[in-house]
Amino acid sequence: MLHDALPILLTALASSVITLLLAYVLFRWHWEPQLDKRLDQLQIEFESRVKSGVYAAGQELLPDLREQVKLGFVDALSQSHTAGLMEETAKVVSVGKDFGAGIVETGLNALFGRPKPTKR
């Protein structure tokens, strides 16, 4: 009985192997180049869509981003020690244009031992 089934099993196995080989050859020579070509087209289309979407989103968000950066920069400057120093300097300069010259004159008079000038 096993002797009768052996040719049937070998025929089925050979048929399966030949079918798989034909399918593989058909795939490699015919379907794979078509699939690669289509995949390349889809990749180009996908990259184009993503690029245009990112660009559009950037253009939409850019004004808000600029405003937030500006506000953050102003906030950082207003909270820094340098900002306070700059404000004080601006106040001193705005008191009068002769004030700075008066400080220099007083310093030089003290250096050379001259008396303080009287106010006119």
Protein backbone atom coordinates (compact mmCIF):
# COMPACT_ATOMS: atom_id res chain seq x y z
CA MET A 1 0.00 0.00 0.00
CA LEU A 2 2.82 2.41 0.85
CA HIS A 3 4.42 1.36 -2.38
CA ASP A 4 1.33 2.56 -4.32
CA ALA A 5 1.14 5.92 -2.47
CA LEU A 6 4.80 6.84 -3.05
CA PRO A 7 4.42 7.87 -6.71
CA ILE A 8 1.36 9.94 -5.79
CA LEU A 9 3.24 11.75 -3.02
CA LEU A 10 6.26 12.37 -5.24
CA THR A 11 4.04 13.72 -8.02
CA ALA A 12 2.26 16.05 -5.57
CA LEU A 13 5.57 17.25 -4.14
CA ALA A 14 7.05 17.85 -7.61
CA SER A 15 3.91 19.69 -8.68
CA SER A 16 4.08 21.92 -5.60
CA VAL A 17 7.78 22.71 -6.12
CA ILE A 18 7.25 23.50 -9.80
CA THR A 19 4.26 25.73 -8.95
CA LEU A 20 6.31 27.62 -6.33
CA LEU A 21 9.22 28.06 -8.77
CA LEU A 22 6.92 29.38 -11.49
CA ALA A 23 5.27 31.78 -9.05
CA TYR A 24 8.70 32.99 -7.89
CA VAL A 25 9.93 33.54 -11.46
CA LEU A 26 6.71 35.30 -12.40
CA PHE A 27 6.99 37.54 -9.33
CA ARG A 28 10.70 38.39 -9.89
CA TRP A 29 10.43 39.09 -13.63
CA HIS A 30 6.99 40.62 -13.94
CA TRP A 31 5.36 41.75 -10.71
CA GLU A 32 8.36 42.99 -8.73
CA PRO A 33 9.44 45.68 -11.28
CA GLN A 34 5.86 46.93 -11.49
CA LEU A 35 5.54 47.01 -7.71
CA ASP A 36 8.89 48.83 -7.36
CA LYS A 37 7.83 51.41 -9.95
CA ARG A 38 4.51 51.99 -8.20
CA LEU A 39 6.24 52.19 -4.82
CA ASP A 40 8.63 54.85 -6.16
CA GLN A 41 5.67 56.86 -7.47
CA LEU A 42 3.90 56.61 -4.12
CA GLN A 43 7.07 57.66 -2.29
CA ILE A 44 7.45 60.78 -4.46
CA GLU A 45 3.78 61.66 -3.99
CA PHE A 46 3.98 61.07 -0.23
CA GLU A 47 7.10 63.22 0.15
CA SER A 48 5.47 66.00 -1.86
CA ARG A 49 2.33 65.95 0.26
CA VAL A 50 4.25 65.87 3.53
CA LYS A 51 6.51 68.71 2.42
CA SER A 52 3.58 70.90 1.36
CA GLY A 53 1.70 70.08 4.57
CA VAL A 54 4.67 70.92 6.78
CA TYR A 55 5.27 74.14 4.85
CA ALA A 56 1.61 75.16 5.17
CA ALA A 57 1.59 74.40 8.90
CA GLY A 58 4.80 76.37 9.35
CA GLN A 59 3.33 79.37 7.54
CA GLU A 60 0.21 79.13 9.68
CA LEU A 61 2.10 78.86 12.98
CA LEU A 62 4.96 81.26 12.21
CA PRO A 63 3.24 84.51 13.31
CA ASP A 64 2.25 83.00 16.67
CA LEU A 65 5.74 81.57 17.13
CA ARG A 66 7.33 84.94 16.40
CA GLU A 67 5.03 86.65 18.88
CA GLN A 68 5.80 84.10 21.59
CA VAL A 69 9.55 84.45 21.00
CA LYS A 70 9.24 88.23 21.14
CA LEU A 71 7.27 88.09 24.38
CA GLY A 72 9.73 85.64 25.89
CA PHE A 73 12.66 87.84 24.91
CA VAL A 74 11.03 90.95 26.38
CA ASP A 75 10.15 89.04 29.55
CA ALA A 76 13.70 87.74 29.92
CA LEU A 77 15.15 91.20 29.46
CA SER A 78 12.74 92.80 31.90
CA GLN A 79 13.59 90.24 34.58
CA SER A 80 17.35 90.40 34.19
CA HIS A 81 19.73 92.46 36.31
CA THR A 82 21.02 94.17 33.18
CA ALA A 83 17.57 95.52 32.42
CA GLY A 84 17.40 97.20 35.82
CA LEU A 85 20.86 98.64 35.32
CA MET A 86 19.89 99.94 31.89
CA GLU A 87 16.77 101.56 33.29
CA GLU A 88 18.77 103.29 36.03
CA THR A 89 21.32 104.50 33.50
CA ALA A 90 18.55 105.82 31.31
CA LYS A 91 17.08 107.69 34.28
CA VAL A 92 20.45 109.24 35.12
CA VAL A 93 21.02 110.29 31.53
CA SER A 94 17.51 111.70 31.22
CA VAL A 95 17.92 113.94 34.31
CA GLY A 96 19.93 116.38 32.28
CA LYS A 97 22.67 116.54 29.75
CA ASP A 98 24.94 118.47 32.15
CA PHE A 99 24.55 115.89 34.91
CA GLY A 100 27.11 113.50 33.43
CA ALA A 101 29.53 116.35 32.81
CA GLY A 102 28.98 117.52 36.39
CA ILE A 103 29.99 114.11 37.75
CA VAL A 104 33.17 114.16 35.67
CA GLU A 105 33.93 117.76 36.75
CA THR A 106 33.45 116.96 40.42
CA GLY A 107 35.69 113.90 40.12
CA LEU A 108 38.45 115.86 38.39
CA ASN A 109 38.22 118.73 40.90
CA ALA A 110 38.56 116.25 43.76
CA LEU A 111 41.51 114.62 42.02
CA PHE A 112 43.36 117.88 41.50
CA GLY A 113 42.37 119.31 44.90
CA ARG A 114 40.22 122.14 43.62
CA PRO A 115 37.20 123.32 45.61
CA LYS A 116 33.69 122.35 44.56
CA PRO A 117 32.24 124.80 42.07
CA THR A 118 29.32 126.87 43.29
CA LYS A 119 25.98 126.53 41.57
CA ARG A 120 25.20 129.44 39.29
